Protein backbone atom coordinates (compact mmCIF):
# COMPACT_ATOMS: atom_id res chain seq x y z
CA MET A 1 -6.28 5.63 -14.24
CA SER A 2 -9.72 4.18 -13.92
CA ASP A 3 -11.04 0.88 -12.72
CA GLY A 4 -14.25 0.28 -14.62
CA MET A 5 -16.42 -2.52 -13.30
CA HIS A 6 -18.96 -1.88 -16.03
CA GLY A 7 -22.23 -3.63 -15.29
CA GLN A 8 -20.56 -6.61 -13.70
CA ASN A 9 -21.75 -8.66 -10.80
CA GLY A 10 -20.07 -11.41 -8.79
CA SER A 11 -21.26 -14.26 -11.00
CA SER A 12 -20.85 -12.54 -14.36
CA GLY A 13 -18.18 -13.59 -16.80
CA GLU A 14 -17.94 -10.11 -18.32
CA ARG A 15 -14.53 -8.60 -18.85
CA ILE A 16 -13.59 -5.76 -16.53
CA VAL A 17 -11.69 -3.08 -18.41
CA VAL A 18 -9.14 -1.13 -16.38
CA THR A 19 -7.23 1.80 -17.87
CA VAL A 20 -3.70 2.07 -16.54
CA ASP A 21 -1.13 4.80 -17.11
CA ILE A 22 1.17 3.74 -19.93
CA ASP A 23 4.15 5.03 -17.89
CA ILE A 24 3.81 2.02 -15.54
CA GLU A 25 3.08 -0.57 -18.23
CA ASP A 26 6.35 -2.43 -17.50
CA LEU A 27 5.35 -2.90 -13.84
CA ILE A 28 1.90 -4.38 -14.42
CA PRO A 29 2.79 -8.01 -15.35
CA GLU A 30 4.84 -8.42 -12.15
CA TYR A 31 2.14 -6.69 -10.09
CA MET A 32 -0.54 -9.02 -11.44
CA GLU A 33 1.69 -12.04 -10.77
CA MET A 34 2.29 -10.85 -7.20
CA THR A 35 -1.44 -10.29 -6.69
CA ARG A 36 -2.20 -13.84 -7.87
CA ALA A 37 0.45 -15.10 -5.42
CA ASP A 38 -1.23 -13.03 -2.68
CA LEU A 39 -4.54 -14.70 -3.57
CA LYS A 40 -2.98 -18.15 -3.13
CA SER A 41 -1.47 -17.10 0.20
CA LEU A 42 -4.82 -15.63 1.23
CA GLN A 43 -6.62 -18.88 0.44
CA ALA A 44 -4.01 -20.92 2.34
CA ALA A 45 -4.26 -18.62 5.37
CA LEU A 46 -8.06 -18.85 5.25
CA ASP A 47 -7.90 -22.64 5.10
CA ALA A 48 -5.65 -22.57 8.18
CA ARG A 49 -7.86 -19.92 9.82
CA GLN A 50 -4.83 -17.66 10.27
CA TYR A 51 -6.76 -14.43 10.34
CA GLU A 52 -3.78 -12.26 11.30
CA ILE A 53 -2.08 -13.30 8.04
CA VAL A 54 -5.34 -12.81 6.15
CA GLY A 55 -5.51 -9.27 7.54
CA ARG A 56 -1.93 -8.50 6.52
CA ILE A 57 -2.60 -9.70 2.97
CA GLY A 58 -5.75 -7.59 2.84
CA HIS A 59 -3.78 -4.58 4.06
CA SER A 60 -1.15 -5.13 1.37
CA LEU A 61 -3.80 -5.43 -1.36
CA LYS A 62 -5.53 -2.30 -0.08
CA GLY A 63 -2.28 -0.36 -0.27
CA SER A 64 -1.13 -1.52 -3.68
CA GLY A 65 -4.23 -1.69 -5.85
CA GLY A 66 -5.01 1.98 -6.24
CA GLY A 67 -1.38 2.87 -6.87
CA TYR A 68 -1.45 0.79 -10.01
CA GLY A 69 -4.95 1.80 -11.06
CA PHE A 70 -6.83 -1.23 -9.71
CA ASP A 71 -9.31 0.42 -7.36
CA ALA A 72 -11.32 -2.80 -7.00
CA ILE A 73 -8.25 -4.57 -5.56
CA THR A 74 -7.88 -1.75 -3.03
CA GLU A 75 -11.56 -2.01 -2.09
CA ILE A 76 -11.53 -5.81 -1.77
CA GLY A 77 -8.28 -5.66 0.22
CA GLY A 78 -9.76 -3.13 2.64
CA ARG A 79 -12.82 -5.31 3.19
CA ILE A 80 -10.59 -8.36 3.76
CA GLU A 81 -8.47 -6.42 6.25
CA GLN A 82 -11.56 -5.35 8.23
CA LEU A 83 -13.28 -8.75 8.23
CA ALA A 84 -10.09 -10.54 9.27
CA LYS A 85 -10.28 -8.73 12.62
CA SER A 86 -13.52 -10.55 13.43
CA GLY A 87 -12.59 -13.85 11.77
CA ALA A 88 -15.66 -13.74 9.51
CA HIS A 89 -14.53 -16.84 7.64
CA ASP A 90 -17.43 -17.26 5.20
CA ASP A 91 -17.40 -13.59 4.22
CA LEU A 92 -13.63 -13.71 3.77
CA ALA A 93 -13.91 -16.78 1.57
CA LEU A 94 -16.45 -14.91 -0.59
CA LEU A 95 -14.08 -11.96 -0.91
CA ALA A 96 -11.22 -14.28 -1.89
CA GLY A 97 -13.50 -15.65 -4.60
CA GLU A 98 -14.39 -12.11 -5.67
CA LEU A 99 -10.70 -11.25 -5.96
CA GLY A 100 -10.02 -14.39 -8.00
CA SER A 101 -12.92 -13.61 -10.31
CA TYR A 102 -11.70 -10.05 -10.74
CA LEU A 103 -8.17 -11.21 -11.61
CA ASP A 104 -9.55 -13.72 -14.13
CA ARG A 105 -11.72 -11.12 -15.86
CA VAL A 106 -9.64 -7.95 -15.76
CA GLU A 107 -8.56 -6.60 -19.12
CA ILE A 108 -5.86 -3.94 -18.94
CA VAL A 109 -5.72 -1.04 -21.39
CA PHE A 110 -2.73 1.32 -21.33
CA GLU A 111 -3.15 5.00 -22.13
């Protein structure tokens, strides 16, 4: 499994190709749906400045991403979890945007 963020930056519209083990192909649509739901919950918690909830969502993302082959989700989730402890609202909002951009651009290839 590899999470290739080939030459992308935060404002780029480039596709991000992620290779996922074909053995878990059936699980990926539900995982992606759950991750989009987590993003909505994250944004709502940020709007309400509920940083404990933000931290829990970040922790969940950190734990799940790598298991499915989405290392970027793990990395973003870990950063969200850490920043939630200090209530760094603007940085957290940027990370939520980064996660949304990633989800919009990710292209999954099964091997």
